[in-house]
Amino acid sequence: MCSACERFFLIVVILFALLNGAQGQNSKLKIKEYKVPKGSHPHDVAPAPDGTVWYTAQHQEALGILDPKTGKTKHVHLGDGSSPHGVIVGPDGNAWITDSGLNAMVRVNALTMEVTVYPLPKWTGYANLNTATFDGKGTLWFTGQSGFYGRLLPDDKVEVFRSPKGRGPYGIATAPNGDVYYASLAGSYVGKVNLENGSVEVLEPPTRGQGARRVWADSKGQIWVAEWKGERLARYIPESGEWKEWKLPGRNPKPYAVYVDENDVVWLSDFGNNSMVSFDQEKEEFRVYKIPSTGAKVRQILGRKGEVWGAESGQDKLLLIKTN
């Protein structure tokens, strides 16, 4: 082989290795899938304190409960007309649900399965409730894609605010210092909520019209954003106001959910390539994990130590990635 050919071959090998190292499949981590009742359309998922996993059975008016040890599920009916979207674990250990069908926040007692409904004020009309988070003082904040965000105070009073730029509030999360941020899908911005008076500071990522869909905070308080239309992962540093974005690997990526695990690894679900994607902050590298089922449509990611969970709305399944 000529020296020029050898050099060309060597360059190709190195590039292939680099691409696979940054964006390839990690053989050490595998995805396990759990079936839930047909027609559930699991939208969001939350690992529960007792080792089970909660999910919103959006098309069956219920909170679903999966036992990963046995694979068995059960449903708790939330009420006629219910259409549960998000679910999280509250500081009280109970399930808290944003229910767009009931236009209300809903609590399910983890021990008794008792359902308590907290309706929004009638003046809001259909708020299209999406996701929720607790701040450091026990107040539950939530988003409504019709153009609202609000809070359920510890005394059970519900307050709703109109969002800047109208429609769009979607994902919401709490930083380690207790600050609350939400992402506006239609408004293409991140809102930092003033926890005292409920006002919002609008923070705009570098890419215009990026469709910020979900948001999460890491242990350092950095804010991570899944840009649905921009095909990017974005990071915002509150102390400096600095933004940075990274284009996801693959063809026509559509990052939906974002979550940061206990090791500060950033996770995303990619509708466009039917995959889960991790991002190493130090190396600034992505890794792609193909989901076994086609058309999975993972709409939410949450986790607990050593586990990352997702809800496959397109396949009536939950997925698990064990990270240790």
C-alpha atoms as a PDB file:
ATOM      1  CA  MET A   1       0.000   0.000   0.000  1.00  0.00           C
ATOM      2  CA  CYS A   2       1.328   3.471  -0.881  1.00  0.00           C
ATOM      3  CA  SER A   3       2.220   5.863   1.939  1.00  0.00           C
ATOM      4  CA  ALA A   4      -0.539   8.294   0.914  1.00  0.00           C
ATOM      5  CA  CYS A   5      -3.097   5.481   1.007  1.00  0.00           C
ATOM      6  CA  GLU A   6      -1.871   4.383   4.423  1.00  0.00           C
ATOM      7  CA  ARG A   7      -2.242   7.896   5.768  1.00  0.00           C
ATOM      8  CA  PHE A   8      -5.751   8.192   4.343  1.00  0.00           C
ATOM      9  CA  PHE A   9      -6.749   4.832   5.829  1.00  0.00           C
ATOM     10  CA  LEU A  10      -5.332   5.843   9.214  1.00  0.00           C
ATOM     11  CA  ILE A  11      -7.289   9.118   9.174  1.00  0.00           C
ATOM     12  CA  VAL A  12     -10.527   7.259   8.368  1.00  0.00           C
ATOM     13  CA  VAL A  13      -9.951   4.807  11.244  1.00  0.00           C
ATOM     14  CA  ILE A  14      -9.251   7.639  13.715  1.00  0.00           C
ATOM     15  CA  LEU A  15     -12.329   9.604  12.650  1.00  0.00           C
ATOM     16  CA  PHE A  16     -14.499   6.494  12.919  1.00  0.00           C
ATOM     17  CA  ALA A  17     -13.197   5.814  16.424  1.00  0.00           C
ATOM     18  CA  LEU A  18     -13.771   9.390  17.539  1.00  0.00           C
ATOM     19  CA  LEU A  19     -17.310   9.482  16.207  1.00  0.00           C
ATOM     20  CA  ASN A  20     -18.193   6.195  17.833  1.00  0.00           C
ATOM     21  CA  GLY A  21     -16.624   7.266  21.104  1.00  0.00           C
ATOM     22  CA  ALA A  22     -18.596  10.506  21.179  1.00  0.00           C
ATOM     23  CA  GLN A  23     -21.899   9.433  19.701  1.00  0.00           C
ATOM     24  CA  GLY A  24     -21.965   5.651  19.615  1.00  0.00           C
ATOM     25  CA  GLN A  25     -23.784   2.996  21.554  1.00  0.00           C
ATOM     26  CA  ASN A  26     -22.459   2.249  25.034  1.00  0.00           C
ATOM     27  CA  SER A  27     -22.548  -1.542  25.299  1.00  0.00           C
ATOM     28  CA  LYS A  28     -22.354  -1.415  29.099  1.00  0.00           C
ATOM     29  CA  LEU A  29     -25.749   0.233  29.438  1.00  0.00           C
ATOM     30  CA  LYS A  30     -28.858  -1.505  28.195  1.00  0.00           C
ATOM     31  CA  ILE A  31     -32.499  -0.534  27.975  1.00  0.00           C
ATOM     32  CA  LYS A  32     -35.138  -2.720  29.610  1.00  0.00           C
ATOM     33  CA  GLU A  33     -38.783  -2.230  28.706  1.00  0.00           C
ATOM     34  CA  TYR A  34     -41.897  -2.931  30.791  1.00  0.00           C
ATOM     35  CA  LYS A  35     -45.352  -3.277  29.255  1.00  0.00           C
ATOM     36  CA  VAL A  36     -48.245  -1.336  30.756  1.00  0.00           C
ATOM     37  CA  PRO A  37     -51.954  -1.887  29.945  1.00  0.00           C
ATOM     38  CA  LYS A  38     -52.820  -1.365  26.303  1.00  0.00           C
ATOM     39  CA  GLY A  39     -54.162   2.092  25.583  1.00  0.00           C
ATOM     40  CA  SER A  40     -52.585   3.666  28.674  1.00  0.00           C
ATOM     41  CA  HIS A  41     -50.535   6.157  26.654  1.00  0.00           C
ATOM     42  CA  PRO A  42     -48.060   6.697  29.528  1.00  0.00           C
ATOM     43  CA  HIS A  43     -47.068  10.349  29.347  1.00  0.00           C
ATOM     44  CA  ASP A  44     -44.842  11.012  32.342  1.00  0.00           C
ATOM     45  CA  VAL A  45     -43.066   8.738  34.791  1.00  0.00           C
ATOM     46  CA  ALA A  46     -41.732   9.039  38.334  1.00  0.00           C
ATOM     47  CA  PRO A  47     -39.863   6.415  40.396  1.00  0.00           C
ATOM     48  CA  ALA A  48     -41.718   6.147  43.709  1.00  0.00           C
ATOM     49  CA  PRO A  49     -40.147   5.987  47.189  1.00  0.00           C
ATOM     50  CA  ASP A  50     -41.231   2.376  47.767  1.00  0.00           C
ATOM     51  CA  GLY A  51     -39.402   1.026  44.697  1.00  0.00           C
ATOM     52  CA  THR A  52     -42.398   1.034  42.373  1.00  0.00           C
ATOM     53  CA  VAL A  53     -42.725   3.424  39.430  1.00  0.00           C
ATOM     54  CA  TRP A  54     -45.632   5.808  38.881  1.00  0.00           C
ATOM     55  CA  TYR A  55     -46.820   6.848  35.430  1.00  0.00           C
ATOM     56  CA  THR A  56     -49.693   8.902  34.087  1.00  0.00           C
ATOM     57  CA  ALA A  57     -52.047   6.666  32.111  1.00  0.00           C
ATOM     58  CA  GLN A  58     -53.265   9.637  30.106  1.00  0.00           C
ATOM     59  CA  HIS A  59     -55.873   7.839  28.012  1.00  0.00           C
ATOM     60  CA  GLN A  60     -57.299   5.824  30.908  1.00  0.00           C
ATOM     61  CA  GLU A  61     -57.965   8.594  33.463  1.00  0.00           C
ATOM     62  CA  ALA A  62     -55.535   7.030  35.892  1.00  0.00           C
ATOM     63  CA  LEU A  63     -52.285   7.030  37.771  1.00  0.00           C
ATOM     64  CA  GLY A  64     -50.455   3.833  36.897  1.00  0.00           C
ATOM     65  CA  ILE A  65     -48.178   1.941  39.277  1.00  0.00           C
ATOM     66  CA  LEU A  66     -45.558  -0.513  38.003  1.00  0.00           C
ATOM     67  CA  ASP A  67     -43.751  -3.018  40.210  1.00  0.00           C
ATOM     68  CA  PRO A  68     -40.432  -3.567  38.380  1.00  0.00           C
ATOM     69  CA  LYS A  69     -39.764  -6.763  40.358  1.00  0.00           C
ATOM     70  CA  THR A  70     -42.833  -8.544  39.010  1.00  0.00           C
ATOM     71  CA  GLY A  71     -43.751  -6.425  35.976  1.00  0.00           C
ATOM     72  CA  LYS A  72     -47.308  -6.116  37.305  1.00  0.00           C
ATOM     73  CA  THR A  73     -49.270  -2.871  37.140  1.00  0.00           C
ATOM     74  CA  LYS A  74     -52.359  -1.358  38.709  1.00  0.00           C
ATOM     75  CA  HIS A  75     -54.310   1.810  37.988  1.00  0.00           C
ATOM     76  CA  VAL A  76     -55.817   4.377  40.353  1.00  0.00           C
ATOM     77  CA  HIS A  77     -58.785   6.153  38.763  1.00  0.00           C
ATOM     78  CA  LEU A  78     -58.468   9.943  39.086  1.00  0.00           C
ATOM     79  CA  GLY A  79     -61.976  10.920  38.071  1.00  0.00           C
ATOM     80  CA  ASP A  80     -64.279  11.064  35.059  1.00  0.00           C
ATOM     81  CA  GLY A  81     -62.806  13.253  32.347  1.00  0.00           C
ATOM     82  CA  SER A  82     -59.304  13.018  33.772  1.00  0.00           C
ATOM     83  CA  SER A  83     -56.352  13.370  31.376  1.00  0.00           C
ATOM     84  CA  PRO A  84     -53.209  13.236  33.524  1.00  0.00           C
ATOM     85  CA  HIS A  85     -50.067  14.692  32.005  1.00  0.00           C
ATOM     86  CA  GLY A  86     -47.217  15.028  34.519  1.00  0.00           C
ATOM     87  CA  VAL A  87     -46.439  13.161  37.725  1.00  0.00           C
ATOM     88  CA  ILE A  88     -43.774  13.806  40.358  1.00  0.00           C
ATOM     89  CA  VAL A  89     -42.973  12.636  43.873  1.00  0.00           C
ATOM     90  CA  GLY A  90     -43.723  15.339  46.426  1.00  0.00           C
ATOM     91  CA  PRO A  91     -41.761  16.018  49.626  1.00  0.00           C
ATOM     92  CA  ASP A  92     -44.646  14.275  51.411  1.00  0.00           C
ATOM     93  CA  GLY A  93     -43.892  11.079  49.455  1.00  0.00           C
ATOM     94  CA  ASN A  94     -47.175  11.253  47.562  1.00  0.00           C
ATOM     95  CA  ALA A  95     -47.845  11.432  43.823  1.00  0.00           C
ATOM     96  CA  TRP A  96     -48.651  14.910  42.468  1.00  0.00           C
ATOM     97  CA  ILE A  97     -50.246  15.106  39.052  1.00  0.00           C
ATOM     98  CA  THR A  98     -51.009  17.859  36.551  1.00  0.00           C
ATOM     99  CA  ASP A  99     -54.369  16.853  35.092  1.00  0.00           C
ATOM    100  CA  SER A 100     -55.384  18.749  31.963  1.00  0.00           C
ATOM    101  CA  GLY A 101     -58.726  16.967  31.727  1.00  0.00           C
ATOM    102  CA  LEU A 102     -59.801  17.960  35.243  1.00  0.00           C
ATOM    103  CA  ASN A 103     -58.039  21.336  34.906  1.00  0.00           C
ATOM    104  CA  ALA A 104     -56.640  20.665  38.354  1.00  0.00           C
ATOM    105  CA  MET A 105     -53.696  19.537  40.399  1.00  0.00           C
ATOM    106  CA  VAL A 106     -54.249  16.073  41.832  1.00  0.00           C
ATOM    107  CA  ARG A 107     -52.627  14.305  44.778  1.00  0.00           C
ATOM    108  CA  VAL A 108     -52.681  10.545  45.229  1.00  0.00           C
ATOM    109  CA  ASN A 109     -51.801   9.344  48.717  1.00  0.00           C
ATOM    110  CA  ALA A 110     -49.053   6.755  48.289  1.00  0.00           C
ATOM    111  CA  LEU A 111     -50.325   4.631  51.192  1.00  0.00           C
ATOM    112  CA  THR A 112     -54.108   4.826  50.924  1.00  0.00           C
ATOM    113  CA  MET A 113     -54.463   5.695  47.195  1.00  0.00           C
ATOM    114  CA  GLU A 114     -56.902   8.437  48.204  1.00  0.00           C
ATOM    115  CA  VAL A 115     -57.336  11.028  45.437  1.00  0.00           C
ATOM    116  CA  THR A 116     -57.537  14.749  46.243  1.00  0.00           C
ATOM    117  CA  VAL A 117     -58.326  17.302  43.530  1.00  0.00           C
ATOM    118  CA  TYR A 118     -57.288  20.981  43.594  1.00  0.00           C
ATOM    119  CA  PRO A 119     -59.160  22.765  40.769  1.00  0.00           C
ATOM    120  CA  LEU A 120     -57.780  25.853  39.046  1.00  0.00           C
ATOM    121  CA  PRO A 121     -59.829  29.072  39.223  1.00  0.00           C
ATOM    122  CA  LYS A 122     -62.674  29.051  36.705  1.00  0.00           C
ATOM    123  CA  TRP A 123     -61.406  32.197  34.970  1.00  0.00           C
ATOM    124  CA  THR A 124     -58.453  30.288  33.498  1.00  0.00           C
ATOM    125  CA  GLY A 125     -60.636  28.141  31.288  1.00  0.00           C
ATOM    126  CA  TYR A 126     -58.724  25.209  29.799  1.00  0.00           C
ATOM    127  CA  ALA A 127     -55.165  25.755  31.033  1.00  0.00           C
ATOM    128  CA  ASN A 128     -53.723  22.603  29.383  1.00  0.00           C
ATOM    129  CA  LEU A 129     -51.739  21.681  32.489  1.00  0.00           C
ATOM    130  CA  ASN A 130     -48.377  20.107  31.809  1.00  0.00           C
ATOM    131  CA  THR A 131     -45.756  19.592  34.528  1.00  0.00           C
ATOM    132  CA  ALA A 132     -45.045  20.488  38.155  1.00  0.00           C
ATOM    133  CA  THR A 133     -42.244  20.937  40.689  1.00  0.00           C
ATOM    134  CA  PHE A 134     -41.909  21.784  44.380  1.00  0.00           C
ATOM    135  CA  ASP A 135     -39.752  24.700  45.463  1.00  0.00           C
ATOM    136  CA  GLY A 136     -37.686  24.597  48.651  1.00  0.00           C
ATOM    137  CA  LYS A 137     -40.547  25.956  50.788  1.00  0.00           C
ATOM    138  CA  GLY A 138     -43.170  23.330  49.992  1.00  0.00           C
ATOM    139  CA  THR A 139     -45.033  25.273  47.311  1.00  0.00           C
ATOM    140  CA  LEU A 140     -46.020  23.319  44.205  1.00  0.00           C
ATOM    141  CA  TRP A 141     -45.467  25.206  40.930  1.00  0.00           C
ATOM    142  CA  PHE A 142     -47.031  24.097  37.664  1.00  0.00           C
ATOM    143  CA  THR A 143     -47.336  25.055  34.000  1.00  0.00           C
ATOM    144  CA  GLY A 144     -50.273  25.349  31.608  1.00  0.00           C
ATOM    145  CA  GLN A 145     -49.494  25.417  27.914  1.00  0.00           C
ATOM    146  CA  SER A 146     -52.480  27.657  27.153  1.00  0.00           C
ATOM    147  CA  GLY A 147     -50.475  30.531  28.621  1.00  0.00           C
ATOM    148  CA  PHE A 148     -50.363  30.026  32.377  1.00  0.00           C
ATOM    149  CA  TYR A 149     -48.172  29.037  35.272  1.00  0.00           C
ATOM    150  CA  GLY A 150     -49.195  28.863  38.885  1.00  0.00           C
ATOM    151  CA  ARG A 151     -48.740  27.517  42.376  1.00  0.00           C
ATOM    152  CA  LEU A 152     -50.516  25.444  44.976  1.00  0.00           C
ATOM    153  CA  LEU A 153     -49.580  26.879  48.359  1.00  0.00           C
ATOM    154  CA  PRO A 154     -49.145  24.755  51.491  1.00  0.00           C
ATOM    155  CA  ASP A 155     -52.554  26.036  52.712  1.00  0.00           C
ATOM    156  CA  ASP A 156     -54.133  24.495  49.562  1.00  0.00           C
ATOM    157  CA  LYS A 157     -54.754  27.863  47.909  1.00  0.00           C
ATOM    158  CA  VAL A 158     -54.311  27.810  44.116  1.00  0.00           C
ATOM    159  CA  GLU A 159     -52.912  30.894  42.373  1.00  0.00           C
ATOM    160  CA  VAL A 160     -52.569  31.226  38.597  1.00  0.00           C
ATOM    161  CA  PHE A 161     -50.556  33.782  36.597  1.00  0.00           C
ATOM    162  CA  ARG A 162     -50.598  34.667  32.909  1.00  0.00           C
ATOM    163  CA  SER A 163     -47.263  33.879  31.306  1.00  0.00           C
ATOM    164  CA  PRO A 164     -45.083  36.277  29.303  1.00  0.00           C
ATOM    165  CA  LYS A 165     -45.582  35.904  25.550  1.00  0.00           C
ATOM    166  CA  GLY A 166     -48.793  33.955  26.029  1.00  0.00           C
ATOM    167  CA  ARG A 167     -48.993  30.270  25.085  1.00  0.00           C
ATOM    168  CA  GLY A 168     -46.200  27.834  25.753  1.00  0.00           C
ATOM    169  CA  PRO A 169     -45.261  27.021  29.399  1.00  0.00           C
ATOM    170  CA  TYR A 170     -44.349  23.330  29.446  1.00  0.00           C
ATOM    171  CA  GLY A 171     -41.507  21.711  31.433  1.00  0.00           C
ATOM    172  CA  ILE A 172     -40.643  23.030  34.894  1.00  0.00           C
ATOM    173  CA  ALA A 173     -37.929  22.200  37.438  1.00  0.00           C
ATOM    174  CA  THR A 174     -36.338  23.375  40.680  1.00  0.00           C
ATOM    175  CA  ALA A 175     -32.645  24.204  41.075  1.00  0.00           C
ATOM    176  CA  PRO A 176     -30.676  23.116  44.175  1.00  0.00           C
ATOM    177  CA  ASN A 177     -31.031  26.603  45.694  1.00  0.00           C
ATOM    178  CA  GLY A 178     -34.831  26.401  45.383  1.00  0.00           C
ATOM    179  CA  ASP A 179     -35.208  28.629  42.310  1.00  0.00           C
ATOM    180  CA  VAL A 180     -37.861  27.532  39.824  1.00  0.00           C
ATOM    181  CA  TYR A 181     -37.465  27.623  36.039  1.00  0.00           C
ATOM    182  CA  TYR A 182     -39.903  26.653  33.299  1.00  0.00           C
ATOM    183  CA  ALA A 183     -39.534  26.170  29.544  1.00  0.00           C
ATOM    184  CA  SER A 184     -41.948  27.731  27.060  1.00  0.00           C
ATOM    185  CA  LEU A 185     -42.429  25.604  23.956  1.00  0.00           C
ATOM    186  CA  ALA A 186     -44.446  28.151  21.954  1.00  0.00           C
ATOM    187  CA  GLY A 187     -42.623  31.159  23.434  1.00  0.00           C
ATOM    188  CA  SER A 188     -39.105  29.729  22.921  1.00  0.00           C
ATOM    189  CA  TYR A 189     -37.739  30.983  26.221  1.00  0.00           C
ATOM    190  CA  VAL A 190     -36.926  29.876  29.760  1.00  0.00           C
ATOM    191  CA  GLY A 191     -38.722  31.657  32.585  1.00  0.00           C
ATOM    192  CA  LYS A 192     -37.201  32.167  36.027  1.00  0.00           C
ATOM    193  CA  VAL A 193     -40.011  32.513  38.548  1.00  0.00           C
ATOM    194  CA  ASN A 194     -39.933  35.017  41.378  1.00  0.00           C
ATOM    195  CA  LEU A 195     -41.091  32.832  44.260  1.00  0.00           C
ATOM    196  CA  GLU A 196     -42.369  35.784  46.274  1.00  0.00           C
ATOM    197  CA  ASN A 197     -44.611  37.681  43.855  1.00  0.00           C
ATOM    198  CA  GLY A 198     -44.920  35.148  41.024  1.00  0.00           C
ATOM    199  CA  SER A 199     -43.411  37.366  38.316  1.00  0.00           C
ATOM    200  CA  VAL A 200     -41.156  35.858  35.651  1.00  0.00           C
ATOM    201  CA  GLU A 201     -37.790  36.849  34.215  1.00  0.00           C
ATOM    202  CA  VAL A 202     -37.560  35.853  30.546  1.00  0.00           C
ATOM    203  CA  LEU A 203     -34.275  34.158  29.566  1.00  0.00           C
ATOM    204  CA  GLU A 204     -33.769  33.605  25.840  1.00  0.00           C
ATOM    205  CA  PRO A 205     -31.442  30.893  24.446  1.00  0.00           C
ATOM    206  CA  PRO A 206     -29.124  31.880  21.540  1.00  0.00           C
ATOM    207  CA  THR A 207     -31.138  30.021  18.891  1.00  0.00           C
ATOM    208  CA  ARG A 208     -34.312  31.883  17.974  1.00  0.00           C
ATOM    209  CA  GLY A 209     -37.547  29.913  17.781  1.00  0.00           C
ATOM    210  CA  GLN A 210     -35.847  26.898  19.354  1.00  0.00           C
ATOM    211  CA  GLY A 211     -38.981  25.616  21.102  1.00  0.00           C
ATOM    212  CA  ALA A 212     -37.661  25.096  24.621  1.00  0.00           C
ATOM    213  CA  ARG A 213     -39.712  22.107  25.779  1.00  0.00           C
ATOM    214  CA  ARG A 214     -38.358  20.709  29.034  1.00  0.00           C
ATOM    215  CA  VAL A 215     -35.878  22.004  31.572  1.00  0.00           C
ATOM    216  CA  TRP A 216     -33.771  20.553  34.388  1.00  0.00           C
ATOM    217  CA  ALA A 217     -31.071  21.679  36.835  1.00  0.00           C
ATOM    218  CA  ASP A 218     -27.835  19.897  37.731  1.00  0.00           C
ATOM    219  CA  SER A 219     -26.110  19.796  41.131  1.00  0.00           C
ATOM    220  CA  LYS A 220     -24.240  23.050  40.356  1.00  0.00           C
ATOM    221  CA  GLY A 221     -27.446  24.921  39.598  1.00  0.00           C
ATOM    222  CA  GLN A 222     -26.820  25.016  35.847  1.00  0.00           C
ATOM    223  CA  ILE A 223     -30.045  24.928  33.840  1.00  0.00           C
ATOM    224  CA  TRP A 224     -30.356  22.419  30.975  1.00  0.00           C
ATOM    225  CA  VAL A 225     -32.943  22.793  28.229  1.00  0.00           C
ATOM    226  CA  ALA A 226     -34.247  20.428  25.538  1.00  0.00           C
ATOM    227  CA  GLU A 227     -34.792  22.526  22.404  1.00  0.00           C
ATOM    228  CA  TRP A 228     -37.505  20.723  20.453  1.00  0.00           C
ATOM    229  CA  LYS A 229     -37.364  22.848  17.295  1.00  0.00           C
ATOM    230  CA  GLY A 230     -33.719  23.862  17.577  1.00  0.00           C
ATOM    231  CA  GLU A 231     -32.525  20.220  17.715  1.00  0.00           C
ATOM    232  CA  ARG A 232     -30.145  21.221  20.501  1.00  0.00           C
ATOM    233  CA  LEU A 233     -29.307  20.808  24.141  1.00  0.00           C
ATOM    234  CA  ALA A 234     -28.784  24.166  25.841  1.00  0.00           C
ATOM    235  CA  ARG A 235     -27.145  25.146  29.131  1.00  0.00           C
ATOM    236  CA  TYR A 236     -27.707  28.351  31.078  1.00  0.00           C
ATOM    237  CA  ILE A 237     -25.428  29.446  33.948  1.00  0.00           C
ATOM    238  CA  PRO A 238     -27.427  31.734  36.279  1.00  0.00           C
ATOM    239  CA  GLU A 239     -24.377  33.361  37.893  1.00  0.00           C
ATOM    240  CA  SER A 240     -22.940  34.626  34.619  1.00  0.00           C
ATOM    241  CA  GLY A 241     -25.971  34.623  32.348  1.00  0.00           C
ATOM    242  CA  GLU A 242     -23.950  32.545  29.859  1.00  0.00           C
ATOM    243  CA  TRP A 243     -25.667  30.270  27.344  1.00  0.00           C
ATOM    244  CA  LYS A 244     -24.162  27.409  25.350  1.00  0.00           C
ATOM    245  CA  GLU A 245     -25.804  24.967  22.922  1.00  0.00           C
ATOM    246  CA  TRP A 246     -24.891  21.589  21.423  1.00  0.00           C
ATOM    247  CA  LYS A 247     -26.543  20.023  18.364  1.00  0.00           C
ATOM    248  CA  LEU A 248     -27.734  16.479  19.061  1.00  0.00           C
ATOM    249  CA  PRO A 249     -26.255  13.682  16.937  1.00  0.00           C
ATOM    250  CA  GLY A 250     -28.260  11.884  14.280  1.00  0.00           C
ATOM    251  CA  ARG A 251     -30.537  12.975  11.482  1.00  0.00           C
ATOM    252  CA  ASN A 252     -33.279  15.472  12.333  1.00  0.00           C
ATOM    253  CA  PRO A 253     -33.119  15.029  16.127  1.00  0.00           C
ATOM    254  CA  LYS A 254     -36.161  16.106  18.145  1.00  0.00           C
ATOM    255  CA  PRO A 255     -35.136  16.415  21.809  1.00  0.00           C
ATOM    256  CA  TYR A 256     -38.237  16.214  23.978  1.00  0.00           C
ATOM    257  CA  ALA A 257     -37.403  15.531  27.636  1.00  0.00           C
ATOM    258  CA  VAL A 258     -34.281  16.400  29.631  1.00  0.00           C
ATOM    259  CA  TYR A 259     -33.133  15.075  33.015  1.00  0.00           C
ATOM    260  CA  VAL A 260     -29.863  15.236  34.972  1.00  0.00           C
ATOM    261  CA  ASP A 261     -28.939  12.190  37.065  1.00  0.00           C
ATOM    262  CA  GLU A 262     -27.069  12.023  40.384  1.00  0.00           C
ATOM    263  CA  ASN A 263     -23.711  11.985  38.553  1.00  0.00           C
ATOM    264  CA  ASP A 264     -24.587  15.141  36.603  1.00  0.00           C
ATOM    265  CA  VAL A 265     -24.962  13.196  33.363  1.00  0.00           C
ATOM    266  CA  VAL A 266     -27.568  14.911  31.192  1.00  0.00           C
ATOM    267  CA  TRP A 267     -30.197  12.661  29.575  1.00  0.00           C
ATOM    268  CA  LEU A 268     -32.540  13.450  26.703  1.00  0.00           C
ATOM    269  CA  SER A 269     -35.207  11.600  24.744  1.00  0.00           C
ATOM    270  CA  ASP A 270     -34.946  12.019  20.972  1.00  0.00           C
ATOM    271  CA  PHE A 271     -38.209  11.536  19.058  1.00  0.00           C
ATOM    272  CA  GLY A 272     -36.495  12.017  15.705  1.00  0.00           C
ATOM    273  CA  ASN A 273     -34.131   9.063  16.105  1.00  0.00           C
ATOM    274  CA  ASN A 274     -36.156   6.923  18.534  1.00  0.00           C
ATOM    275  CA  SER A 275     -33.387   6.993  21.090  1.00  0.00           C
ATOM    276  CA  MET A 276     -32.214   8.019  24.521  1.00  0.00           C
ATOM    277  CA  VAL A 277     -29.173  10.287  24.548  1.00  0.00           C
ATOM    278  CA  SER A 278     -26.684  11.023  27.331  1.00  0.00           C
ATOM    279  CA  PHE A 279     -24.341  14.016  27.479  1.00  0.00           C
ATOM    280  CA  ASP A 280     -21.048  14.068  29.375  1.00  0.00           C
ATOM    281  CA  GLN A 281     -20.558  17.615  30.631  1.00  0.00           C
ATOM    282  CA  GLU A 282     -16.780  17.380  31.068  1.00  0.00           C
ATOM    283  CA  LYS A 283     -16.059  15.832  27.673  1.00  0.00           C
ATOM    284  CA  GLU A 284     -18.963  17.589  25.953  1.00  0.00           C
ATOM    285  CA  GLU A 285     -19.821  14.306  24.260  1.00  0.00           C
ATOM    286  CA  PHE A 286     -23.100  12.608  23.417  1.00  0.00           C
ATOM    287  CA  ARG A 287     -23.845   8.893  23.541  1.00  0.00           C
ATOM    288  CA  VAL A 288     -26.860   7.419  21.798  1.00  0.00           C
ATOM    289  CA  TYR A 289     -28.908   4.443  23.028  1.00  0.00           C
ATOM    290  CA  LYS A 290     -31.413   3.087  20.528  1.00  0.00           C
ATOM    291  CA  ILE A 291     -34.769   2.169  22.006  1.00  0.00           C
ATOM    292  CA  PRO A 292     -35.699  -1.447  21.125  1.00  0.00           C
ATOM    293  CA  SER A 293     -39.338  -0.632  20.289  1.00  0.00           C
ATOM    294  CA  THR A 294     -40.008   1.528  17.240  1.00  0.00           C
ATOM    295  CA  GLY A 295     -41.982   4.750  17.654  1.00  0.00           C
ATOM    296  CA  ALA A 296     -41.452   4.799  21.426  1.00  0.00           C
ATOM    297  CA  LYS A 297     -42.032   8.562  21.872  1.00  0.00           C
ATOM    298  CA  VAL A 298     -40.518   8.981  25.332  1.00  0.00           C
ATOM    299  CA  ARG A 299     -42.161  12.115  26.738  1.00  0.00           C
ATOM    300  CA  GLN A 300     -40.650  12.274  30.206  1.00  0.00           C
ATOM    301  CA  ILE A 301     -37.472  11.160  31.962  1.00  0.00           C
ATOM    302  CA  LEU A 302     -36.952  10.890  35.704  1.00  0.00           C
ATOM    303  CA  GLY A 303     -34.751   8.684  37.816  1.00  0.00           C
ATOM    304  CA  ARG A 304     -33.332   7.570  41.112  1.00  0.00           C
ATOM    305  CA  LYS A 305     -29.830   6.483  42.062  1.00  0.00           C
ATOM    306  CA  GLY A 306     -28.489   4.168  39.383  1.00  0.00           C
ATOM    307  CA  GLU A 307     -31.678   4.283  37.301  1.00  0.00           C
ATOM    308  CA  VAL A 308     -33.063   6.427  34.489  1.00  0.00           C
ATOM    309  CA  TRP A 309     -36.753   5.912  33.639  1.00  0.00           C
ATOM    310  CA  GLY A 310     -38.762   6.998  30.623  1.00  0.00           C
ATOM    311  CA  ALA A 311     -42.405   6.761  29.520  1.00  0.00           C
ATOM    312  CA  GLU A 312     -42.985   5.326  26.016  1.00  0.00           C
ATOM    313  CA  SER A 313     -46.270   6.960  25.053  1.00  0.00           C
ATOM    314  CA  GLY A 314     -46.115   5.454  21.572  1.00  0.00           C
ATOM    315  CA  GLN A 315     -45.749   1.850  22.726  1.00  0.00           C
ATOM    316  CA  ASP A 316     -47.528   1.587  26.088  1.00  0.00           C
ATOM    317  CA  LYS A 317     -44.264   0.775  27.818  1.00  0.00           C
ATOM    318  CA  LEU A 318     -41.894   2.182  30.409  1.00  0.00           C
ATOM    319  CA  LEU A 319     -38.154   1.948  29.897  1.00  0.00           C
ATOM    320  CA  LEU A 320     -35.295   1.610  32.338  1.00  0.00           C
ATOM    321  CA  ILE A 321     -31.593   2.298  31.873  1.00  0.00           C
ATOM    322  CA  LYS A 322     -29.417   1.104  34.764  1.00  0.00           C
ATOM    323  CA  THR A 323     -26.394   3.360  35.064  1.00  0.00           C
ATOM    324  CA  ASN A 324     -24.352   1.437  37.623  1.00  0.00           C
END
